[in-house]
PDB file of N, CA and C in Angstrom:
ATOM      1  N   MET A   1     -13.292  -8.856 -26.431  1.00  0.00           N
ATOM      2  CA  MET A   1     -13.723  -8.604 -25.116  1.00  0.00           C
ATOM      3  C   MET A   1     -12.947  -9.452 -24.118  1.00  0.00           C
ATOM      4  N   GLU A   2     -12.644 -10.725 -24.515  1.00  0.00           N
ATOM      5  CA  GLU A   2     -11.825 -11.602 -23.668  1.00  0.00           C
ATOM      6  C   GLU A   2     -10.406 -11.051 -23.419  1.00  0.00           C
ATOM      7  N   GLU A   3      -9.781 -10.416 -24.469  1.00  0.00           N
ATOM      8  CA  GLU A   3      -8.423  -9.864 -24.246  1.00  0.00           C
ATOM      9  C   GLU A   3      -8.533  -8.668 -23.319  1.00  0.00           C
ATOM     10  N   LEU A   4      -9.494  -7.929 -23.487  1.00  0.00           N
ATOM     11  CA  LEU A   4      -9.783  -6.736 -22.582  1.00  0.00           C
ATOM     12  C   LEU A   4      -9.845  -7.193 -21.082  1.00  0.00           C
ATOM     13  N   ALA A   5     -10.672  -8.205 -20.920  1.00  0.00           N
ATOM     14  CA  ALA A   5     -10.715  -8.754 -19.598  1.00  0.00           C
ATOM     15  C   ALA A   5      -9.425  -9.285 -18.958  1.00  0.00           C
ATOM     16  N   ARG A   6      -8.627  -9.886 -19.757  1.00  0.00           N
ATOM     17  CA  ARG A   6      -7.218 -10.270 -19.323  1.00  0.00           C
ATOM     18  C   ARG A   6      -6.350  -9.148 -18.908  1.00  0.00           C
ATOM     19  N   VAL A   7      -6.414  -8.082 -19.811  1.00  0.00           N
ATOM     20  CA  VAL A   7      -5.588  -6.955 -19.488  1.00  0.00           C
ATOM     21  C   VAL A   7      -5.995  -6.301 -18.216  1.00  0.00           C
ATOM     22  N   VAL A   8      -7.324  -6.126 -17.992  1.00  0.00           N
ATOM     23  CA  VAL A   8      -7.885  -5.510 -16.777  1.00  0.00           C
ATOM     24  C   VAL A   8      -7.465  -6.333 -15.563  1.00  0.00           C
ATOM     25  N   LEU A   9      -7.643  -7.610 -15.678  1.00  0.00           N
ATOM     26  CA  LEU A   9      -7.239  -8.513 -14.443  1.00  0.00           C
ATOM     27  C   LEU A   9      -5.659  -8.403 -14.248  1.00  0.00           C
ATOM     28  N   ALA A  10      -4.929  -8.342 -15.193  1.00  0.00           N
ATOM     29  CA  ALA A  10      -3.459  -8.172 -15.217  1.00  0.00           C
ATOM     30  C   ALA A  10      -3.114  -6.890 -14.488  1.00  0.00           C
ATOM     31  N   ARG A  11      -3.735  -5.824 -14.876  1.00  0.00           N
ATOM     32  CA  ARG A  11      -3.510  -4.545 -14.221  1.00  0.00           C
ATOM     33  C   ARG A  11      -3.947  -4.523 -12.786  1.00  0.00           C
ATOM     34  N   GLN A  12      -4.996  -5.138 -12.404  1.00  0.00           N
ATOM     35  CA  GLN A  12      -5.431  -5.191 -11.027  1.00  0.00           C
ATOM     36  C   GLN A  12      -4.490  -6.094 -10.217  1.00  0.00           C
ATOM     37  N   GLU A  13      -3.911  -7.131 -10.798  1.00  0.00           N
ATOM     38  CA  GLU A  13      -2.955  -7.922 -10.022  1.00  0.00           C
ATOM     39  C   GLU A  13      -1.712  -7.136  -9.736  1.00  0.00           C
ATOM     40  N   VAL A  14      -1.233  -6.359 -10.749  1.00  0.00           N
ATOM     41  CA  VAL A  14       0.015  -5.538 -10.656  1.00  0.00           C
ATOM     42  C   VAL A  14      -0.286  -4.456  -9.500  1.00  0.00           C
ATOM     43  N   ALA A  15      -1.435  -3.769  -9.549  1.00  0.00           N
ATOM     44  CA  ALA A  15      -1.764  -2.805  -8.494  1.00  0.00           C
ATOM     45  C   ALA A  15      -1.818  -3.410  -7.144  1.00  0.00           C
ATOM     46  N   GLU A  16      -2.253  -4.604  -7.036  1.00  0.00           N
ATOM     47  CA  GLU A  16      -2.354  -5.350  -5.752  1.00  0.00           C
ATOM     48  C   GLU A  16      -0.960  -5.726  -5.259  1.00  0.00           C
ATOM     49  N   GLU A  17      -0.116  -6.166  -6.128  1.00  0.00           N
ATOM     50  CA  GLU A  17       1.321  -6.535  -5.838  1.00  0.00           C
ATOM     51  C   GLU A  17       1.999  -5.202  -5.359  1.00  0.00           C
ATOM     52  N   ARG A  18       1.762  -4.092  -6.063  1.00  0.00           N
ATOM     53  CA  ARG A  18       2.442  -2.829  -5.610  1.00  0.00           C
ATOM     54  C   ARG A  18       2.033  -2.412  -4.249  1.00  0.00           C
ATOM     55  N   GLY A  19       0.761  -2.729  -3.874  1.00  0.00           N
ATOM     56  CA  GLY A  19       0.316  -2.373  -2.505  1.00  0.00           C
ATOM     57  C   GLY A  19       0.891  -3.200  -1.524  1.00  0.00           C
ATOM     58  N   TYR A  20       1.097  -4.504  -1.864  1.00  0.00           N
ATOM     59  CA  TYR A  20       1.704  -5.397  -0.845  1.00  0.00           C
ATOM     60  C   TYR A  20       3.159  -5.029  -0.704  1.00  0.00           C
ATOM     61  N   MET A  21       3.843  -4.682  -1.752  1.00  0.00           N
ATOM     62  CA  MET A  21       5.248  -4.190  -1.600  1.00  0.00           C
ATOM     63  C   MET A  21       5.330  -3.015  -0.774  1.00  0.00           C
ATOM     64  N   ALA A  22       4.505  -2.018  -1.065  1.00  0.00           N
ATOM     65  CA  ALA A  22       4.609  -0.788  -0.232  1.00  0.00           C
ATOM     66  C   ALA A  22       4.380  -1.019   1.284  1.00  0.00           C
ATOM     67  N   GLN A  23       3.398  -1.917   1.467  1.00  0.00           N
ATOM     68  CA  GLN A  23       3.134  -2.380   2.893  1.00  0.00           C
ATOM     69  C   GLN A  23       4.441  -2.926   3.580  1.00  0.00           C
ATOM     70  N   TRP A  24       5.085  -3.773   2.953  1.00  0.00           N
ATOM     71  CA  TRP A  24       6.250  -4.466   3.662  1.00  0.00           C
ATOM     72  C   TRP A  24       7.497  -3.573   3.607  1.00  0.00           C
ATOM     73  N   MET A  25       7.652  -2.795   2.580  1.00  0.00           N
ATOM     74  CA  MET A  25       8.906  -2.008   2.349  1.00  0.00           C
ATOM     75  C   MET A  25       8.862  -0.869   3.550  1.00  0.00           C
ATOM     76  N   GLY A  26       7.804  -0.497   3.983  1.00  0.00           N
ATOM     77  CA  GLY A  26       7.652   0.512   5.049  1.00  0.00           C
ATOM     78  C   GLY A  26       7.941  -0.150   6.459  1.00  0.00           C
ATOM     79  N   ARG A  27       8.148  -1.521   6.517  1.00  0.00           N
ATOM     80  CA  ARG A  27       8.355  -2.149   7.828  1.00  0.00           C
ATOM     81  C   ARG A  27       9.682  -2.836   7.859  1.00  0.00           C
ATOM     82  N   PRO A  28      10.765  -2.108   8.193  1.00  0.00           N
ATOM     83  CA  PRO A  28      12.095  -2.674   8.198  1.00  0.00           C
ATOM     84  C   PRO A  28      12.304  -4.078   8.712  1.00  0.00           C
ATOM     85  N   GLN A  29      11.682  -4.523   9.766  1.00  0.00           N
ATOM     86  CA  GLN A  29      12.014  -5.870  10.212  1.00  0.00           C
ATOM     87  C   GLN A  29      11.257  -6.895   9.262  1.00  0.00           C
ATOM     88  N   LEU A  30      10.147  -6.573   8.785  1.00  0.00           N
ATOM     89  CA  LEU A  30       9.417  -7.471   7.863  1.00  0.00           C
ATOM     90  C   LEU A  30      10.093  -7.470   6.598  1.00  0.00           C
ATOM     91  N   LYS A  31      10.623  -6.328   6.006  1.00  0.00           N
ATOM     92  CA  LYS A  31      11.402  -6.246   4.814  1.00  0.00           C
ATOM     93  C   LYS A  31      12.611  -7.199   4.884  1.00  0.00           C
ATOM     94  N   GLU A  32      13.327  -7.093   6.018  1.00  0.00           N
ATOM     95  CA  GLU A  32      14.518  -7.933   6.221  1.00  0.00           C
ATOM     96  C   GLU A  32      14.268  -9.337   6.238  1.00  0.00           C
ATOM     97  N   GLU A  33      13.098  -9.782   6.772  1.00  0.00           N
ATOM     98  CA  GLU A  33      12.724 -11.098   6.882  1.00  0.00           C
ATOM     99  C   GLU A  33      12.329 -11.660   5.528  1.00  0.00           C
ATOM    100  N   LEU A  34      11.534 -10.929   4.707  1.00  0.00           N
ATOM    101  CA  LEU A  34      11.234 -11.210   3.266  1.00  0.00           C
ATOM    102  C   LEU A  34      12.456 -11.385   2.510  1.00  0.00           C
ATOM    103  N   TYR A  35      13.367 -10.483   2.576  1.00  0.00           N
ATOM    104  CA  TYR A  35      14.529 -10.559   1.873  1.00  0.00           C
ATOM    105  C   TYR A  35      15.343 -11.887   2.253  1.00  0.00           C
ATOM    106  N   ARG A  36      15.430 -12.100   3.513  1.00  0.00           N
ATOM    107  CA  ARG A  36      16.047 -13.356   3.965  1.00  0.00           C
ATOM    108  C   ARG A  36      15.538 -14.579   3.368  1.00  0.00           C
ATOM    109  N   GLN A  37      14.222 -14.683   3.439  1.00  0.00           N
ATOM    110  CA  GLN A  37      13.478 -15.854   2.890  1.00  0.00           C
ATOM    111  C   GLN A  37      13.790 -15.975   1.418  1.00  0.00           C
ATOM    112  N   SER A  38      13.758 -14.865   0.702  1.00  0.00           N
ATOM    113  CA  SER A  38      13.906 -14.857  -0.775  1.00  0.00           C
ATOM    114  C   SER A  38      15.332 -15.302  -1.160  1.00  0.00           C
ATOM    115  N   LEU A  39      16.329 -14.803  -0.425  1.00  0.00           N
ATOM    116  CA  LEU A  39      17.681 -15.182  -0.561  1.00  0.00           C
ATOM    117  C   LEU A  39      17.932 -16.626  -0.179  1.00  0.00           C
ATOM    118  N   ASP A  40      17.424 -17.104   0.844  1.00  0.00           N
ATOM    119  CA  ASP A  40      17.546 -18.479   1.216  1.00  0.00           C
ATOM    120  C   ASP A  40      16.960 -19.361   0.173  1.00  0.00           C
ATOM    121  N   PHE A  41      15.844 -18.962  -0.406  1.00  0.00           N
ATOM    122  CA  PHE A  41      15.304 -19.831  -1.442  1.00  0.00           C
ATOM    123  C   PHE A  41      16.164 -19.741  -2.645  1.00  0.00           C
ATOM    124  N   SER A  42      16.648 -18.619  -3.042  1.00  0.00           N
ATOM    125  CA  SER A  42      17.500 -18.501  -4.186  1.00  0.00           C
ATOM    126  C   SER A  42      18.778 -19.407  -4.042  1.00  0.00           C
ATOM    127  N   LEU A  43      19.422 -19.339  -2.867  1.00  0.00           N
ATOM    128  CA  LEU A  43      20.661 -20.077  -2.547  1.00  0.00           C
ATOM    129  C   LEU A  43      20.304 -21.649  -2.665  1.00  0.00           C
ATOM    130  N   ALA A  44      19.191 -22.110  -2.124  1.00  0.00           N
ATOM    131  CA  ALA A  44      18.808 -23.382  -2.268  1.00  0.00           C
ATOM    132  C   ALA A  44      18.559 -23.845  -3.687  1.00  0.00           C
ATOM    133  N   ALA A  45      17.998 -22.984  -4.500  1.00  0.00           N
ATOM    134  CA  ALA A  45      17.879 -23.298  -5.840  1.00  0.00           C
ATOM    135  C   ALA A  45      19.186 -23.453  -6.588  1.00  0.00           C
ATOM    136  N   LEU A  46      20.097 -22.486  -6.312  1.00  0.00           N
ATOM    137  CA  LEU A  46      21.417 -22.571  -6.927  1.00  0.00           C
ATOM    138  C   LEU A  46      22.214 -23.848  -6.498  1.00  0.00           C
ATOM    139  N   GLN A  47      21.892 -24.336  -5.320  1.00  0.00           N
ATOM    140  CA  GLN A  47      22.631 -25.418  -4.821  1.00  0.00           C
ATOM    141  C   GLN A  47      21.907 -26.756  -5.212  1.00  0.00           C
ATOM    142  N   GLY A  48      20.861 -26.782  -5.925  1.00  0.00           N
ATOM    143  CA  GLY A  48      20.027 -27.780  -6.360  1.00  0.00           C
ATOM    144  C   GLY A  48      19.315 -28.579  -5.214  1.00  0.00           C
ATOM    145  N   ARG A  49      18.924 -27.910  -4.248  1.00  0.00           N
ATOM    146  CA  ARG A  49      18.135 -28.426  -3.116  1.00  0.00           C
ATOM    147  C   ARG A  49      16.763 -28.286  -3.234  1.00  0.00           C
ATOM    148  N   LEU A  50      16.249 -27.812  -4.402  1.00  0.00           N
ATOM    149  CA  LEU A  50      14.725 -27.708  -4.568  1.00  0.00           C
ATOM    150  C   LEU A  50      14.342 -28.577  -5.787  1.00  0.00           C
ATOM    151  N   PRO A  51      13.019 -28.961  -5.673  1.00  0.00           N
ATOM    152  CA  PRO A  51      12.450 -29.787  -6.739  1.00  0.00           C
ATOM    153  C   PRO A  51      12.249 -28.944  -8.042  1.00  0.00           C
ATOM    154  N   ALA A  52      12.302 -29.475  -9.146  1.00  0.00           N
ATOM    155  CA  ALA A  52      12.061 -28.731 -10.404  1.00  0.00           C
ATOM    156  C   ALA A  52      10.693 -28.044 -10.346  1.00  0.00           C
ATOM    157  N   GLY A  53      10.616 -26.705 -10.639  1.00  0.00           N
ATOM    158  CA  GLY A  53       9.489 -25.972 -10.700  1.00  0.00           C
ATOM    159  C   GLY A  53       9.074 -25.349  -9.306  1.00  0.00           C
ATOM    160  N   ALA A  54       9.925 -25.479  -8.369  1.00  0.00           N
ATOM    161  CA  ALA A  54       9.609 -24.816  -6.945  1.00  0.00           C
ATOM    162  C   ALA A  54       9.567 -23.331  -7.161  1.00  0.00           C
ATOM    163  N   ASN A  55       8.745 -22.728  -6.435  1.00  0.00           N
ATOM    164  CA  ASN A  55       8.638 -21.285  -6.522  1.00  0.00           C
ATOM    165  C   ASN A  55       8.389 -20.646  -5.112  1.00  0.00           C
ATOM    166  N   TRP A  56       9.182 -19.677  -4.764  1.00  0.00           N
ATOM    167  CA  TRP A  56       8.987 -18.945  -3.490  1.00  0.00           C
ATOM    168  C   TRP A  56       7.926 -17.889  -3.677  1.00  0.00           C
ATOM    169  N   VAL A  57       7.027 -17.808  -2.721  1.00  0.00           N
ATOM    170  CA  VAL A  57       5.917 -16.827  -2.633  1.00  0.00           C
ATOM    171  C   VAL A  57       5.890 -16.129  -1.415  1.00  0.00           C
ATOM    172  N   ALA A  58       5.912 -14.845  -1.466  1.00  0.00           N
ATOM    173  CA  ALA A  58       5.917 -14.089  -0.321  1.00  0.00           C
ATOM    174  C   ALA A  58       4.572 -14.345   0.460  1.00  0.00           C
ATOM    175  N   PRO A  59       4.702 -14.237   1.898  1.00  0.00           N
ATOM    176  CA  PRO A  59       3.394 -14.640   2.593  1.00  0.00           C
ATOM    177  C   PRO A  59       2.342 -13.409   2.467  1.00  0.00           C
ATOM    178  N   ASP A  60       1.119 -13.765   2.533  1.00  0.00           N
ATOM    179  CA  ASP A  60       0.077 -12.804   2.396  1.00  0.00           C
ATOM    180  C   ASP A  60       0.029 -11.922   3.681  1.00  0.00           C
ATOM    181  N   LEU A  61       0.173 -10.513   3.534  1.00  0.00           N
ATOM    182  CA  LEU A  61       0.303  -9.657   4.611  1.00  0.00           C
ATOM    183  C   LEU A  61      -0.918  -9.027   4.898  1.00  0.00           C
ATOM    184  N   ALA A  62      -2.030  -9.314   4.092  1.00  0.00           N
ATOM    185  CA  ALA A  62      -3.308  -8.644   4.264  1.00  0.00           C
ATOM    186  C   ALA A  62      -3.992  -9.090   5.588  1.00  0.00           C
TER     187      ALA A  62
END
């Protein structure tokens, strides 16, 4: 039963993430800003300017 609950929660999380992506993919300016933030974070990681374990998280658009 515990495994089933984990699977259900994981599927709900995936569906929620897809909804967020659809929301910002339809807004060109927001899409551009999120891509910029993500790429800036990636560059900082490659250049060693982030602490170990740092993680970029897209802002909540709800």
